[in-house]
Amino acid sequence: MRRKDREITDPAEMEAVIAEAAVCRIGLADETGPYIVPLCFGYGDRALWIHSAHEGRKIDMLRKDSRCCFGIDICDGIIRGGSPCSWGMRYRSVIGFGRAVFVHTPEEKQYGLNCIMQHYGGGTRAFSERDLRTVTVIRIDIESMTGKKHD
């Protein structure tokens, strides 16, 4: 990281960014090129949890190659400057790399969906068998992540 003075090294501080953020973007790639998609997400057991329809570009790409990267950020305000190049932003961010795993058991799907619900303040709930059949749940096992901030 070029700006060591802005690096977040404390895992708890990185998890605080993850807990506060509303959107996670995952980056994927295949022979047609890169693809990035913003998602609702949850966090639990050092993994990101996402849900999806059973088909689509993201699903096709993850089935071919489970490697992905992710970005999570929070904008804490604009820093106005006297000239255009002196403007900046207060932010906190986490980027990382991991592998996507399609989960299949009802128990693991239930856990992942509840991680997502809890992230957005929805508590936990019991999902019906029908609900669990109609959704794809993906766990992204985080292999590495770094954080950065500008106060």
C-alpha atoms as a PDB file:
ATOM      1  CA  MET A   1       0.000   0.000   0.000  1.00  0.00           C
ATOM      2  CA  ARG A   2       1.479   3.310  -1.071  1.00  0.00           C
ATOM      3  CA  ARG A   3       0.003   5.416   1.764  1.00  0.00           C
ATOM      4  CA  LYS A   4       0.987   3.466   4.880  1.00  0.00           C
ATOM      5  CA  ASP A   5      -0.298   6.371   6.997  1.00  0.00           C
ATOM      6  CA  ARG A   6      -3.834   5.546   5.804  1.00  0.00           C
ATOM      7  CA  GLU A   7      -3.636   1.767   6.133  1.00  0.00           C
ATOM      8  CA  ILE A   8      -6.068  -0.022   8.449  1.00  0.00           C
ATOM      9  CA  THR A   9      -4.252  -2.977  10.004  1.00  0.00           C
ATOM     10  CA  ASP A  10      -6.615  -3.786  12.886  1.00  0.00           C
ATOM     11  CA  PRO A  11      -8.979  -6.616  11.834  1.00  0.00           C
ATOM     12  CA  ALA A  12     -11.671  -5.276  14.181  1.00  0.00           C
ATOM     13  CA  GLU A  13     -11.545  -1.891  12.442  1.00  0.00           C
ATOM     14  CA  MET A  14     -11.901  -3.586   9.040  1.00  0.00           C
ATOM     15  CA  GLU A  15     -14.871  -5.565  10.359  1.00  0.00           C
ATOM     16  CA  ALA A  16     -16.413  -2.303  11.608  1.00  0.00           C
ATOM     17  CA  VAL A  17     -16.251  -0.924   8.055  1.00  0.00           C
ATOM     18  CA  ILE A  18     -17.888  -4.102   6.760  1.00  0.00           C
ATOM     19  CA  ALA A  19     -20.595  -3.859   9.421  1.00  0.00           C
ATOM     20  CA  GLU A  20     -21.447  -0.243   8.583  1.00  0.00           C
ATOM     21  CA  ALA A  21     -21.367  -0.389   4.773  1.00  0.00           C
ATOM     22  CA  ALA A  22     -24.560  -0.797   2.778  1.00  0.00           C
ATOM     23  CA  VAL A  23     -23.110  -2.216  -0.451  1.00  0.00           C
ATOM     24  CA  CYS A  24     -20.438  -4.714  -1.386  1.00  0.00           C
ATOM     25  CA  ARG A  25     -19.085  -4.854  -4.918  1.00  0.00           C
ATOM     26  CA  ILE A  26     -17.581  -8.065  -6.207  1.00  0.00           C
ATOM     27  CA  GLY A  27     -15.223  -8.235  -9.129  1.00  0.00           C
ATOM     28  CA  LEU A  28     -15.098 -11.211 -11.461  1.00  0.00           C
ATOM     29  CA  ALA A  29     -13.398 -11.958 -14.763  1.00  0.00           C
ATOM     30  CA  ASP A  30     -13.731 -14.364 -17.636  1.00  0.00           C
ATOM     31  CA  GLU A  31     -12.628 -14.557 -21.253  1.00  0.00           C
ATOM     32  CA  THR A  32     -14.888 -11.586 -22.146  1.00  0.00           C
ATOM     33  CA  GLY A  33     -13.213  -9.361 -19.554  1.00  0.00           C
ATOM     34  CA  PRO A  34     -13.838  -7.960 -16.086  1.00  0.00           C
ATOM     35  CA  TYR A  35     -17.255  -7.611 -14.478  1.00  0.00           C
ATOM     36  CA  ILE A  36     -18.178  -5.812 -11.262  1.00  0.00           C
ATOM     37  CA  VAL A  37     -21.528  -5.989  -9.533  1.00  0.00           C
ATOM     38  CA  PRO A  38     -22.899  -4.166  -6.463  1.00  0.00           C
ATOM     39  CA  LEU A  39     -24.702  -6.423  -3.985  1.00  0.00           C
ATOM     40  CA  CYS A  40     -26.544  -6.575  -0.700  1.00  0.00           C
ATOM     41  CA  PHE A  41     -24.472  -8.725   1.625  1.00  0.00           C
ATOM     42  CA  GLY A  42     -23.908 -10.081   5.093  1.00  0.00           C
ATOM     43  CA  TYR A  43     -20.830 -11.031   7.070  1.00  0.00           C
ATOM     44  CA  GLY A  44     -20.318 -14.000   9.362  1.00  0.00           C
ATOM     45  CA  ASP A  45     -17.627 -16.569  10.145  1.00  0.00           C
ATOM     46  CA  ARG A  46     -15.019 -14.490   8.253  1.00  0.00           C
ATOM     47  CA  ALA A  47     -17.036 -14.817   5.071  1.00  0.00           C
ATOM     48  CA  LEU A  48     -19.251 -12.565   2.995  1.00  0.00           C
ATOM     49  CA  TRP A  49     -22.693 -13.893   2.190  1.00  0.00           C
ATOM     50  CA  ILE A  50     -24.685 -12.944  -0.888  1.00  0.00           C
ATOM     51  CA  HIS A  51     -27.852 -14.197  -2.511  1.00  0.00           C
ATOM     52  CA  SER A  52     -28.903 -14.372  -6.113  1.00  0.00           C
ATOM     53  CA  ALA A  53     -31.267 -15.781  -8.673  1.00  0.00           C
ATOM     54  CA  HIS A  54     -30.262 -19.229  -9.897  1.00  0.00           C
ATOM     55  CA  GLU A  55     -28.933 -17.914 -13.192  1.00  0.00           C
ATOM     56  CA  GLY A  56     -27.299 -14.870 -14.693  1.00  0.00           C
ATOM     57  CA  ARG A  57     -23.895 -13.560 -15.670  1.00  0.00           C
ATOM     58  CA  LYS A  58     -22.533 -13.463 -12.098  1.00  0.00           C
ATOM     59  CA  ILE A  59     -23.600 -17.070 -11.476  1.00  0.00           C
ATOM     60  CA  ASP A  60     -22.153 -18.253 -14.801  1.00  0.00           C
ATOM     61  CA  MET A  61     -18.838 -16.559 -14.067  1.00  0.00           C
ATOM     62  CA  LEU A  62     -18.595 -17.917 -10.514  1.00  0.00           C
ATOM     63  CA  ARG A  63     -19.344 -21.451 -11.708  1.00  0.00           C
ATOM     64  CA  LYS A  64     -16.414 -21.203 -14.144  1.00  0.00           C
ATOM     65  CA  ASP A  65     -13.997 -19.567 -11.685  1.00  0.00           C
ATOM     66  CA  SER A  66     -14.720 -19.179  -7.978  1.00  0.00           C
ATOM     67  CA  ARG A  67     -12.020 -16.526  -7.471  1.00  0.00           C
ATOM     68  CA  CYS A  68     -13.314 -13.049  -6.817  1.00  0.00           C
ATOM     69  CA  CYS A  69     -12.365  -9.764  -5.255  1.00  0.00           C
ATOM     70  CA  PHE A  70     -14.557  -7.414  -3.279  1.00  0.00           C
ATOM     71  CA  GLY A  71     -14.706  -3.791  -2.314  1.00  0.00           C
ATOM     72  CA  ILE A  72     -16.629  -2.221   0.542  1.00  0.00           C
ATOM     73  CA  ASP A  73     -16.472   1.486   1.282  1.00  0.00           C
ATOM     74  CA  ILE A  74     -18.021   4.293   3.283  1.00  0.00           C
ATOM     75  CA  CYS A  75     -17.861   7.936   2.250  1.00  0.00           C
ATOM     76  CA  ASP A  76     -17.571  10.121   5.354  1.00  0.00           C
ATOM     77  CA  GLY A  77     -17.610  13.452   3.522  1.00  0.00           C
ATOM     78  CA  ILE A  78     -15.964  15.622   0.927  1.00  0.00           C
ATOM     79  CA  ILE A  79     -12.885  17.688   1.790  1.00  0.00           C
ATOM     80  CA  ARG A  80     -13.150  20.967  -0.111  1.00  0.00           C
ATOM     81  CA  GLY A  81      -9.972  22.614  -1.289  1.00  0.00           C
ATOM     82  CA  GLY A  82      -8.894  25.899  -2.779  1.00  0.00           C
ATOM     83  CA  SER A  83      -8.102  24.332  -6.149  1.00  0.00           C
ATOM     84  CA  PRO A  84      -9.555  21.311  -7.951  1.00  0.00           C
ATOM     85  CA  CYS A  85      -6.511  19.138  -7.219  1.00  0.00           C
ATOM     86  CA  SER A  86      -6.639  19.889  -3.486  1.00  0.00           C
ATOM     87  CA  TRP A  87     -10.100  18.369  -2.986  1.00  0.00           C
ATOM     88  CA  GLY A  88     -10.385  14.985  -1.318  1.00  0.00           C
ATOM     89  CA  MET A  89     -12.686  12.659   0.534  1.00  0.00           C
ATOM     90  CA  ARG A  90     -12.953  11.249   4.023  1.00  0.00           C
ATOM     91  CA  TYR A  91     -13.481   7.532   3.607  1.00  0.00           C
ATOM     92  CA  ARG A  92     -12.993   4.077   5.048  1.00  0.00           C
ATOM     93  CA  SER A  93     -12.655   1.066   2.795  1.00  0.00           C
ATOM     94  CA  VAL A  94     -11.863  -2.620   2.729  1.00  0.00           C
ATOM     95  CA  ILE A  95     -10.810  -4.607  -0.311  1.00  0.00           C
ATOM     96  CA  GLY A  96     -10.117  -8.293  -0.398  1.00  0.00           C
ATOM     97  CA  PHE A  97      -9.845 -11.539  -2.263  1.00  0.00           C
ATOM     98  CA  GLY A  98     -11.652 -14.799  -1.777  1.00  0.00           C
ATOM     99  CA  ARG A  99     -13.364 -17.785  -3.284  1.00  0.00           C
ATOM    100  CA  ALA A 100     -17.069 -18.167  -3.812  1.00  0.00           C
ATOM    101  CA  VAL A 101     -18.779 -21.335  -2.602  1.00  0.00           C
ATOM    102  CA  PHE A 102     -22.345 -22.203  -3.592  1.00  0.00           C
ATOM    103  CA  VAL A 103     -24.061 -23.468  -0.458  1.00  0.00           C
ATOM    104  CA  HIS A 104     -26.744 -26.135  -0.729  1.00  0.00           C
ATOM    105  CA  THR A 105     -27.876 -27.367   2.649  1.00  0.00           C
ATOM    106  CA  PRO A 106     -30.964 -25.698   4.107  1.00  0.00           C
ATOM    107  CA  GLU A 107     -29.071 -24.986   7.335  1.00  0.00           C
ATOM    108  CA  GLU A 108     -26.231 -23.166   5.591  1.00  0.00           C
ATOM    109  CA  LYS A 109     -28.600 -21.264   3.296  1.00  0.00           C
ATOM    110  CA  GLN A 110     -30.619 -20.226   6.355  1.00  0.00           C
ATOM    111  CA  TYR A 111     -27.440 -19.042   8.112  1.00  0.00           C
ATOM    112  CA  GLY A 112     -26.275 -17.021   5.091  1.00  0.00           C
ATOM    113  CA  LEU A 113     -29.643 -15.372   4.541  1.00  0.00           C
ATOM    114  CA  ASN A 114     -29.832 -14.471   8.220  1.00  0.00           C
ATOM    115  CA  CYS A 115     -26.355 -12.899   8.034  1.00  0.00           C
ATOM    116  CA  ILE A 116     -27.722 -10.694   5.252  1.00  0.00           C
ATOM    117  CA  MET A 117     -30.915  -9.891   7.205  1.00  0.00           C
ATOM    118  CA  GLN A 118     -28.940  -9.010  10.341  1.00  0.00           C
ATOM    119  CA  HIS A 119     -26.611  -6.759   8.355  1.00  0.00           C
ATOM    120  CA  TYR A 120     -29.552  -4.565   7.359  1.00  0.00           C
ATOM    121  CA  GLY A 121     -31.225  -4.621  10.765  1.00  0.00           C
ATOM    122  CA  GLY A 122     -33.830  -7.226   9.903  1.00  0.00           C
ATOM    123  CA  GLY A 123     -32.981  -9.671  12.681  1.00  0.00           C
ATOM    124  CA  THR A 124     -33.218 -13.369  11.989  1.00  0.00           C
ATOM    125  CA  ARG A 125     -36.100 -15.461  10.767  1.00  0.00           C
ATOM    126  CA  ALA A 126     -37.019 -18.917   9.667  1.00  0.00           C
ATOM    127  CA  PHE A 127     -37.135 -19.282   5.891  1.00  0.00           C
ATOM    128  CA  SER A 128     -39.571 -21.732   4.349  1.00  0.00           C
ATOM    129  CA  GLU A 129     -38.381 -24.684   2.274  1.00  0.00           C
ATOM    130  CA  ARG A 130     -39.846 -22.913  -0.759  1.00  0.00           C
ATOM    131  CA  ASP A 131     -37.867 -19.735   0.022  1.00  0.00           C
ATOM    132  CA  LEU A 132     -34.655 -21.726   0.306  1.00  0.00           C
ATOM    133  CA  ARG A 133     -35.317 -23.558  -2.992  1.00  0.00           C
ATOM    134  CA  THR A 134     -35.901 -20.344  -4.930  1.00  0.00           C
ATOM    135  CA  VAL A 135     -32.669 -18.581  -3.989  1.00  0.00           C
ATOM    136  CA  THR A 136     -28.996 -19.205  -4.593  1.00  0.00           C
ATOM    137  CA  VAL A 137     -26.846 -18.461  -1.540  1.00  0.00           C
ATOM    138  CA  ILE A 138     -23.129 -17.905  -1.967  1.00  0.00           C
ATOM    139  CA  ARG A 139     -20.457 -17.756   0.717  1.00  0.00           C
ATOM    140  CA  ILE A 140     -17.288 -15.872  -0.202  1.00  0.00           C
ATOM    141  CA  ASP A 141     -14.496 -17.287   1.922  1.00  0.00           C
ATOM    142  CA  ILE A 142     -12.151 -14.363   2.511  1.00  0.00           C
ATOM    143  CA  GLU A 143      -8.516 -15.252   1.848  1.00  0.00           C
ATOM    144  CA  SER A 144      -7.079 -11.762   2.397  1.00  0.00           C
ATOM    145  CA  MET A 145      -8.234  -8.212   2.939  1.00  0.00           C
ATOM    146  CA  THR A 146      -6.756  -4.784   3.525  1.00  0.00           C
ATOM    147  CA  GLY A 147      -8.221  -1.564   4.771  1.00  0.00           C
ATOM    148  CA  LYS A 148      -7.602   2.097   4.144  1.00  0.00           C
ATOM    149  CA  LYS A 149      -8.994   5.343   5.553  1.00  0.00           C
ATOM    150  CA  HIS A 150      -8.647   9.066   5.299  1.00  0.00           C
ATOM    151  CA  ASP A 151      -9.970  10.914   8.345  1.00  0.00           C
END
